Amino acid sequence: MEFLSSEYLSALLAIIVIDLVLAGDNAIVIGLAARRLPKDQQKKVIIWGTVGAIAIRALATLVVVGLLKIPGLLLIGGILLIWIAYKLIAEGKNHDIKAEEGFWSAIKTIIIADALMGIDNVLAVAGAAHGNFSLVIIGLLVSIPVVVWGSTLILKWVDRFPVIITIGAAVLAYTAAKMIVDEKWFAGFFESNPFIKWTFIIIIIVGVVFFGKAKQKATASSV
């Protein structure tokens, strides 16, 4: 694949789109996790969360060949990501936590989510890059500002529009469901049955939002 050839540019465009979409997911995770912290700690979480996202994606790229050979990887990642999406709604806007505990809790949530979505990202990027590492690097560089600026915007809007929390969790649930249906064990079945595939994805999204909201209300009523 020659540099700046039509094949190279089309692959680069595909990678940029993939990175922007998945960077948007990371921005949601970072923004929602940081919302629980004092204002003076939010920027630190965004910075460290972004650093973690970049590091995880870079490391995942180096081991992508090995990852592709591991059956069940997308299934496990999807299930864990569903749990993270549920927790983002269930915990609501709970500020009754110590700043130090909240800081590390936010960092942990961001790192786990970045790792899970980094798997999805690197698998997609690897397919589009066809082994060309320069394409992966350029795609990562494009996604960095999206994560930083997107996280900051979400922090500004989430207090004014609480529905953003629900929307963000729904996006993560969608990502999780897509990871599961793309798992090699199930991919053939879901591709042959698109109605079942999309019904499954919708059930995951609705389930995360419904049970997350139910837990949030139960917690609020018990206080």
C-alpha atoms as a PDB file:
ATOM      1  CA  MET A   1       0.000   0.000   0.000  1.00  0.00           C
ATOM      2  CA  GLU A   2       1.769   3.140  -1.233  1.00  0.00           C
ATOM      3  CA  PHE A   3       1.729   6.354   0.802  1.00  0.00           C
ATOM      4  CA  LEU A   4      -1.047   8.757  -0.378  1.00  0.00           C
ATOM      5  CA  SER A   5      -2.340   6.264  -2.929  1.00  0.00           C
ATOM      6  CA  SER A   6      -6.115   5.980  -3.304  1.00  0.00           C
ATOM      7  CA  GLU A   7      -6.006   2.707  -1.368  1.00  0.00           C
ATOM      8  CA  TYR A   8      -3.975   4.336   1.425  1.00  0.00           C
ATOM      9  CA  LEU A   9      -6.263   7.386   1.635  1.00  0.00           C
ATOM     10  CA  SER A  10      -9.440   5.298   1.660  1.00  0.00           C
ATOM     11  CA  ALA A  11      -7.997   3.126   4.444  1.00  0.00           C
ATOM     12  CA  LEU A  12      -6.975   6.260   6.371  1.00  0.00           C
ATOM     13  CA  LEU A  13     -10.486   7.689   6.036  1.00  0.00           C
ATOM     14  CA  ALA A  14     -11.984   4.447   7.331  1.00  0.00           C
ATOM     15  CA  ILE A  15      -9.627   4.432  10.326  1.00  0.00           C
ATOM     16  CA  ILE A  16     -10.345   8.085  11.156  1.00  0.00           C
ATOM     17  CA  VAL A  17     -14.088   7.399  11.134  1.00  0.00           C
ATOM     18  CA  ILE A  18     -13.623   4.328  13.356  1.00  0.00           C
ATOM     19  CA  ASP A  19     -11.401   6.260  15.770  1.00  0.00           C
ATOM     20  CA  LEU A  20     -13.775   9.226  15.930  1.00  0.00           C
ATOM     21  CA  VAL A  21     -16.761   7.013  16.717  1.00  0.00           C
ATOM     22  CA  LEU A  22     -14.943   5.036  19.417  1.00  0.00           C
ATOM     23  CA  ALA A  23     -13.201   8.164  20.732  1.00  0.00           C
ATOM     24  CA  GLY A  24     -16.689   9.585  21.183  1.00  0.00           C
ATOM     25  CA  ASP A  25     -17.526   6.593  23.374  1.00  0.00           C
ATOM     26  CA  ASN A  26     -14.364   7.198  25.399  1.00  0.00           C
ATOM     27  CA  ALA A  27     -15.255  10.878  25.758  1.00  0.00           C
ATOM     28  CA  ILE A  28     -18.615   9.830  27.190  1.00  0.00           C
ATOM     29  CA  VAL A  29     -16.977   7.451  29.679  1.00  0.00           C
ATOM     30  CA  ILE A  30     -14.411  10.029  30.799  1.00  0.00           C
ATOM     31  CA  GLY A  31     -16.963  12.837  31.036  1.00  0.00           C
ATOM     32  CA  LEU A  32     -19.506  10.804  32.975  1.00  0.00           C
ATOM     33  CA  ALA A  33     -16.907   9.338  35.331  1.00  0.00           C
ATOM     34  CA  ALA A  34     -15.415  12.765  36.027  1.00  0.00           C
ATOM     35  CA  ARG A  35     -18.793  14.367  36.738  1.00  0.00           C
ATOM     36  CA  ARG A  36     -18.767  12.936  40.283  1.00  0.00           C
ATOM     37  CA  LEU A  37     -15.577  14.748  41.251  1.00  0.00           C
ATOM     38  CA  PRO A  38     -14.868  18.248  42.554  1.00  0.00           C
ATOM     39  CA  LYS A  39     -14.182  20.767  39.784  1.00  0.00           C
ATOM     40  CA  ASP A  40     -10.468  20.968  40.609  1.00  0.00           C
ATOM     41  CA  GLN A  41     -10.050  17.222  40.015  1.00  0.00           C
ATOM     42  CA  GLN A  42     -12.123  16.898  36.847  1.00  0.00           C
ATOM     43  CA  LYS A  43      -9.384  18.178  34.523  1.00  0.00           C
ATOM     44  CA  LYS A  44      -6.875  15.760  36.077  1.00  0.00           C
ATOM     45  CA  VAL A  45      -9.211  12.835  35.451  1.00  0.00           C
ATOM     46  CA  ILE A  46      -9.756  13.929  31.837  1.00  0.00           C
ATOM     47  CA  ILE A  47      -6.002  14.197  31.248  1.00  0.00           C
ATOM     48  CA  TRP A  48      -5.149  10.867  32.883  1.00  0.00           C
ATOM     49  CA  GLY A  49      -8.137   9.187  31.292  1.00  0.00           C
ATOM     50  CA  THR A  50      -7.008  10.415  27.879  1.00  0.00           C
ATOM     51  CA  VAL A  51      -3.446   9.243  28.524  1.00  0.00           C
ATOM     52  CA  GLY A  52      -4.822   5.860  29.526  1.00  0.00           C
ATOM     53  CA  ALA A  53      -6.968   5.665  26.389  1.00  0.00           C
ATOM     54  CA  ILE A  54      -4.011   6.399  24.120  1.00  0.00           C
ATOM     55  CA  ALA A  55      -1.676   3.999  25.932  1.00  0.00           C
ATOM     56  CA  ILE A  56      -4.198   1.170  25.918  1.00  0.00           C
ATOM     57  CA  ARG A  57      -4.985   1.574  22.226  1.00  0.00           C
ATOM     58  CA  ALA A  58      -1.286   1.687  21.342  1.00  0.00           C
ATOM     59  CA  LEU A  59      -0.534  -1.437  23.398  1.00  0.00           C
ATOM     60  CA  ALA A  60      -3.577  -3.231  22.025  1.00  0.00           C
ATOM     61  CA  THR A  61      -2.383  -2.521  18.495  1.00  0.00           C
ATOM     62  CA  LEU A  62       0.928  -4.251  19.214  1.00  0.00           C
ATOM     63  CA  VAL A  63      -0.822  -7.436  20.284  1.00  0.00           C
ATOM     64  CA  VAL A  64      -3.726  -7.349  17.826  1.00  0.00           C
ATOM     65  CA  VAL A  65      -2.635 -10.547  16.079  1.00  0.00           C
ATOM     66  CA  GLY A  66      -2.769 -12.416  19.377  1.00  0.00           C
ATOM     67  CA  LEU A  67      -6.090 -10.847  20.323  1.00  0.00           C
ATOM     68  CA  LEU A  68      -7.687 -11.919  17.073  1.00  0.00           C
ATOM     69  CA  LYS A  69      -6.846 -15.536  17.896  1.00  0.00           C
ATOM     70  CA  ILE A  70      -8.493 -15.510  21.319  1.00  0.00           C
ATOM     71  CA  PRO A  71     -12.068 -16.847  21.089  1.00  0.00           C
ATOM     72  CA  GLY A  72     -14.574 -15.234  23.412  1.00  0.00           C
ATOM     73  CA  LEU A  73     -12.673 -11.948  23.795  1.00  0.00           C
ATOM     74  CA  LEU A  74     -15.428  -9.740  22.390  1.00  0.00           C
ATOM     75  CA  LEU A  75     -18.060 -11.622  24.405  1.00  0.00           C
ATOM     76  CA  ILE A  76     -16.238 -11.045  27.705  1.00  0.00           C
ATOM     77  CA  GLY A  77     -15.519  -7.413  26.866  1.00  0.00           C
ATOM     78  CA  GLY A  78     -19.130  -6.802  25.869  1.00  0.00           C
ATOM     79  CA  ILE A  79     -20.486  -8.257  29.113  1.00  0.00           C
ATOM     80  CA  LEU A  80     -18.126  -6.136  31.227  1.00  0.00           C
ATOM     81  CA  LEU A  81     -19.024  -3.034  29.228  1.00  0.00           C
ATOM     82  CA  ILE A  82     -22.733  -3.684  29.859  1.00  0.00           C
ATOM     83  CA  TRP A  83     -21.952  -3.634  33.604  1.00  0.00           C
ATOM     84  CA  ILE A  84     -20.127  -0.311  33.269  1.00  0.00           C
ATOM     85  CA  ALA A  85     -23.027   1.205  31.311  1.00  0.00           C
ATOM     86  CA  TYR A  86     -25.468   0.018  33.985  1.00  0.00           C
ATOM     87  CA  LYS A  87     -23.353   1.500  36.781  1.00  0.00           C
ATOM     88  CA  LEU A  88     -23.175   4.901  35.079  1.00  0.00           C
ATOM     89  CA  ILE A  89     -26.964   5.173  35.290  1.00  0.00           C
ATOM     90  CA  ALA A  90     -27.483   3.343  38.593  1.00  0.00           C
ATOM     91  CA  GLU A  91     -25.045   5.532  40.522  1.00  0.00           C
ATOM     92  CA  GLY A  92     -26.732   8.675  39.228  1.00  0.00           C
ATOM     93  CA  LYS A  93     -25.397  12.017  40.443  1.00  0.00           C
ATOM     94  CA  ASN A  94     -24.115  10.773  43.754  1.00  0.00           C
ATOM     95  CA  HIS A  95     -21.673  13.309  45.217  1.00  0.00           C
ATOM     96  CA  ASP A  96     -21.531  11.763  48.687  1.00  0.00           C
ATOM     97  CA  ILE A  97     -18.050  10.322  48.226  1.00  0.00           C
ATOM     98  CA  LYS A  98     -14.629  11.422  49.351  1.00  0.00           C
ATOM     99  CA  ALA A  99     -12.677  13.313  46.713  1.00  0.00           C
ATOM    100  CA  GLU A 100      -9.720  10.933  46.890  1.00  0.00           C
ATOM    101  CA  GLU A 101     -11.871   7.810  46.612  1.00  0.00           C
ATOM    102  CA  GLY A 102     -13.901   9.391  43.834  1.00  0.00           C
ATOM    103  CA  PHE A 103     -10.778  10.337  41.896  1.00  0.00           C
ATOM    104  CA  TRP A 104      -9.356   6.819  41.835  1.00  0.00           C
ATOM    105  CA  SER A 105     -12.790   5.300  41.265  1.00  0.00           C
ATOM    106  CA  ALA A 106     -13.196   7.513  38.202  1.00  0.00           C
ATOM    107  CA  ILE A 107      -9.721   6.638  36.919  1.00  0.00           C
ATOM    108  CA  LYS A 108     -10.460   2.913  37.389  1.00  0.00           C
ATOM    109  CA  THR A 109     -13.761   3.181  35.509  1.00  0.00           C
ATOM    110  CA  ILE A 110     -12.094   5.073  32.662  1.00  0.00           C
ATOM    111  CA  ILE A 111      -9.181   2.643  32.362  1.00  0.00           C
ATOM    112  CA  ILE A 112     -11.462  -0.416  32.312  1.00  0.00           C
ATOM    113  CA  ALA A 113     -13.819   1.119  29.765  1.00  0.00           C
ATOM    114  CA  ASP A 114     -10.919   2.315  27.613  1.00  0.00           C
ATOM    115  CA  ALA A 115      -9.433  -1.169  27.688  1.00  0.00           C
ATOM    116  CA  LEU A 116     -12.703  -2.766  26.610  1.00  0.00           C
ATOM    117  CA  MET A 117     -13.423  -0.262  23.862  1.00  0.00           C
ATOM    118  CA  GLY A 118      -9.764  -0.302  22.915  1.00  0.00           C
ATOM    119  CA  ILE A 119     -10.212  -3.976  22.018  1.00  0.00           C
ATOM    120  CA  ASP A 120     -13.140  -3.161  19.755  1.00  0.00           C
ATOM    121  CA  ASN A 121     -11.184  -0.242  18.290  1.00  0.00           C
ATOM    122  CA  VAL A 122      -7.991  -2.109  17.547  1.00  0.00           C
ATOM    123  CA  LEU A 123      -9.799  -5.006  15.895  1.00  0.00           C
ATOM    124  CA  ALA A 124     -11.636  -2.612  13.581  1.00  0.00           C
ATOM    125  CA  VAL A 125      -8.559  -0.486  12.879  1.00  0.00           C
ATOM    126  CA  ALA A 126      -6.377  -3.531  12.227  1.00  0.00           C
ATOM    127  CA  GLY A 127      -8.776  -4.698   9.559  1.00  0.00           C
ATOM    128  CA  ALA A 128      -8.805  -1.298   7.852  1.00  0.00           C
ATOM    129  CA  ALA A 129      -5.034  -0.722   8.148  1.00  0.00           C
ATOM    130  CA  HIS A 130      -4.023  -4.014   6.503  1.00  0.00           C
ATOM    131  CA  GLY A 131      -0.855  -4.130   8.605  1.00  0.00           C
ATOM    132  CA  ASN A 132       0.194  -0.515   7.899  1.00  0.00           C
ATOM    133  CA  PHE A 133       1.212   0.872  11.309  1.00  0.00           C
ATOM    134  CA  SER A 134       1.435   4.492  10.079  1.00  0.00           C
ATOM    135  CA  LEU A 135      -2.304   4.427   9.416  1.00  0.00           C
ATOM    136  CA  VAL A 136      -2.968   3.344  12.999  1.00  0.00           C
ATOM    137  CA  ILE A 137      -0.755   6.135  14.412  1.00  0.00           C
ATOM    138  CA  ILE A 138      -2.440   8.829  12.306  1.00  0.00           C
ATOM    139  CA  GLY A 139      -5.843   7.583  13.386  1.00  0.00           C
ATOM    140  CA  LEU A 140      -4.839   7.736  17.050  1.00  0.00           C
ATOM    141  CA  LEU A 141      -3.544  11.294  16.682  1.00  0.00           C
ATOM    142  CA  VAL A 142      -6.858  12.357  15.156  1.00  0.00           C
ATOM    143  CA  SER A 143      -8.861  10.802  17.991  1.00  0.00           C
ATOM    144  CA  ILE A 144      -6.958  12.482  20.859  1.00  0.00           C
ATOM    145  CA  PRO A 145      -8.575  15.952  20.616  1.00  0.00           C
ATOM    146  CA  VAL A 146     -12.001  14.338  20.285  1.00  0.00           C
ATOM    147  CA  VAL A 147     -11.542  12.584  23.636  1.00  0.00           C
ATOM    148  CA  VAL A 148     -10.253  15.705  25.435  1.00  0.00           C
ATOM    149  CA  TRP A 149     -12.723  18.235  24.032  1.00  0.00           C
ATOM    150  CA  GLY A 150     -15.622  15.801  24.064  1.00  0.00           C
ATOM    151  CA  SER A 151     -15.078  14.997  27.749  1.00  0.00           C
ATOM    152  CA  THR A 152     -14.960  18.691  28.644  1.00  0.00           C
ATOM    153  CA  LEU A 153     -18.184  19.450  26.777  1.00  0.00           C
ATOM    154  CA  ILE A 154     -19.995  16.547  28.427  1.00  0.00           C
ATOM    155  CA  LEU A 155     -18.919  17.787  31.863  1.00  0.00           C
ATOM    156  CA  LYS A 156     -20.374  21.231  31.080  1.00  0.00           C
ATOM    157  CA  TRP A 157     -23.664  19.869  29.784  1.00  0.00           C
ATOM    158  CA  VAL A 158     -24.364  16.969  32.134  1.00  0.00           C
ATOM    159  CA  ASP A 159     -25.550  19.142  35.065  1.00  0.00           C
ATOM    160  CA  ARG A 160     -27.874  21.140  32.803  1.00  0.00           C
ATOM    161  CA  PHE A 161     -29.142  18.108  30.896  1.00  0.00           C
ATOM    162  CA  PRO A 162     -29.160  14.960  33.111  1.00  0.00           C
ATOM    163  CA  VAL A 163     -30.530  12.943  30.177  1.00  0.00           C
ATOM    164  CA  ILE A 164     -26.964  12.978  28.797  1.00  0.00           C
ATOM    165  CA  ILE A 165     -26.082  10.366  31.426  1.00  0.00           C
ATOM    166  CA  THR A 166     -28.796   8.073  30.110  1.00  0.00           C
ATOM    167  CA  ILE A 167     -27.840   8.708  26.483  1.00  0.00           C
ATOM    168  CA  GLY A 168     -24.183   8.063  27.280  1.00  0.00           C
ATOM    169  CA  ALA A 169     -24.956   4.766  29.000  1.00  0.00           C
ATOM    170  CA  ALA A 170     -27.176   3.761  26.070  1.00  0.00           C
ATOM    171  CA  VAL A 171     -24.301   4.416  23.650  1.00  0.00           C
ATOM    172  CA  LEU A 172     -22.021   2.226  25.760  1.00  0.00           C
ATOM    173  CA  ALA A 173     -24.691  -0.487  25.905  1.00  0.00           C
ATOM    174  CA  TYR A 174     -24.950  -0.361  22.106  1.00  0.00           C
ATOM    175  CA  THR A 175     -21.170  -0.706  21.814  1.00  0.00           C
ATOM    176  CA  ALA A 176     -21.269  -3.668  24.207  1.00  0.00           C
ATOM    177  CA  ALA A 177     -24.062  -5.376  22.284  1.00  0.00           C
ATOM    178  CA  LYS A 178     -22.189  -4.890  19.002  1.00  0.00           C
ATOM    179  CA  MET A 179     -19.087  -6.473  20.524  1.00  0.00           C
ATOM    180  CA  ILE A 180     -21.137  -9.512  21.543  1.00  0.00           C
ATOM    181  CA  VAL A 181     -22.853  -9.985  18.167  1.00  0.00           C
ATOM    182  CA  ASP A 182     -19.478  -9.609  16.434  1.00  0.00           C
ATOM    183  CA  GLU A 183     -17.984 -12.412  18.539  1.00  0.00           C
ATOM    184  CA  LYS A 184     -16.812 -15.197  16.209  1.00  0.00           C
ATOM    185  CA  TRP A 185     -18.956 -17.755  18.015  1.00  0.00           C
ATOM    186  CA  PHE A 186     -22.152 -15.838  17.215  1.00  0.00           C
ATOM    187  CA  ALA A 187     -21.288 -13.656  14.203  1.00  0.00           C
ATOM    188  CA  GLY A 188     -22.487 -16.152  11.588  1.00  0.00           C
ATOM    189  CA  PHE A 189     -25.830 -16.671  13.325  1.00  0.00           C
ATOM    190  CA  PHE A 190     -26.515 -12.956  13.808  1.00  0.00           C
ATOM    191  CA  GLU A 191     -25.476 -12.072  10.252  1.00  0.00           C
ATOM    192  CA  SER A 192     -27.907 -14.686   8.945  1.00  0.00           C
ATOM    193  CA  ASN A 193     -30.670 -13.385  11.231  1.00  0.00           C
ATOM    194  CA  PRO A 194     -30.561  -9.559  11.177  1.00  0.00           C
ATOM    195  CA  PHE A 195     -33.944  -9.266  12.911  1.00  0.00           C
ATOM    196  CA  ILE A 196     -32.705 -11.318  15.874  1.00  0.00           C
ATOM    197  CA  LYS A 197     -29.435  -9.362  15.843  1.00  0.00           C
ATOM    198  CA  TRP A 198     -31.097  -5.957  16.154  1.00  0.00           C
ATOM    199  CA  THR A 199     -33.696  -7.253  18.601  1.00  0.00           C
ATOM    200  CA  PHE A 200     -30.847  -8.463  20.827  1.00  0.00           C
ATOM    201  CA  ILE A 201     -29.054  -5.097  20.578  1.00  0.00           C
ATOM    202  CA  ILE A 202     -32.241  -3.190  21.442  1.00  0.00           C
ATOM    203  CA  ILE A 203     -32.950  -5.500  24.403  1.00  0.00           C
ATOM    204  CA  ILE A 204     -29.459  -4.855  25.785  1.00  0.00           C
ATOM    205  CA  ILE A 205     -29.849  -1.075  25.456  1.00  0.00           C
ATOM    206  CA  VAL A 206     -33.355  -0.992  26.949  1.00  0.00           C
ATOM    207  CA  GLY A 207     -32.345  -3.417  29.704  1.00  0.00           C
ATOM    208  CA  VAL A 208     -29.357  -1.317  30.771  1.00  0.00           C
ATOM    209  CA  VAL A 209     -31.432   1.871  30.876  1.00  0.00           C
ATOM    210  CA  PHE A 210     -34.426   0.245  32.610  1.00  0.00           C
ATOM    211  CA  PHE A 211     -32.523  -1.594  35.342  1.00  0.00           C
ATOM    212  CA  GLY A 212     -30.095   1.301  35.789  1.00  0.00           C
ATOM    213  CA  LYS A 213     -32.975   3.727  36.327  1.00  0.00           C
ATOM    214  CA  ALA A 214     -34.711   1.273  38.659  1.00  0.00           C
ATOM    215  CA  LYS A 215     -31.576   0.958  40.788  1.00  0.00           C
ATOM    216  CA  GLN A 216     -31.121   4.728  40.775  1.00  0.00           C
ATOM    217  CA  LYS A 217     -34.684   5.286  42.023  1.00  0.00           C
ATOM    218  CA  ALA A 218     -34.358   2.553  44.650  1.00  0.00           C
ATOM    219  CA  THR A 219     -31.148   4.118  45.954  1.00  0.00           C
ATOM    220  CA  ALA A 220     -32.701   7.598  46.033  1.00  0.00           C
ATOM    221  CA  SER A 221     -35.802   6.414  47.915  1.00  0.00           C
ATOM    222  CA  SER A 222     -33.706   4.619  50.546  1.00  0.00           C
ATOM    223  CA  VAL A 223     -31.708   7.756  51.410  1.00  0.00           C
END
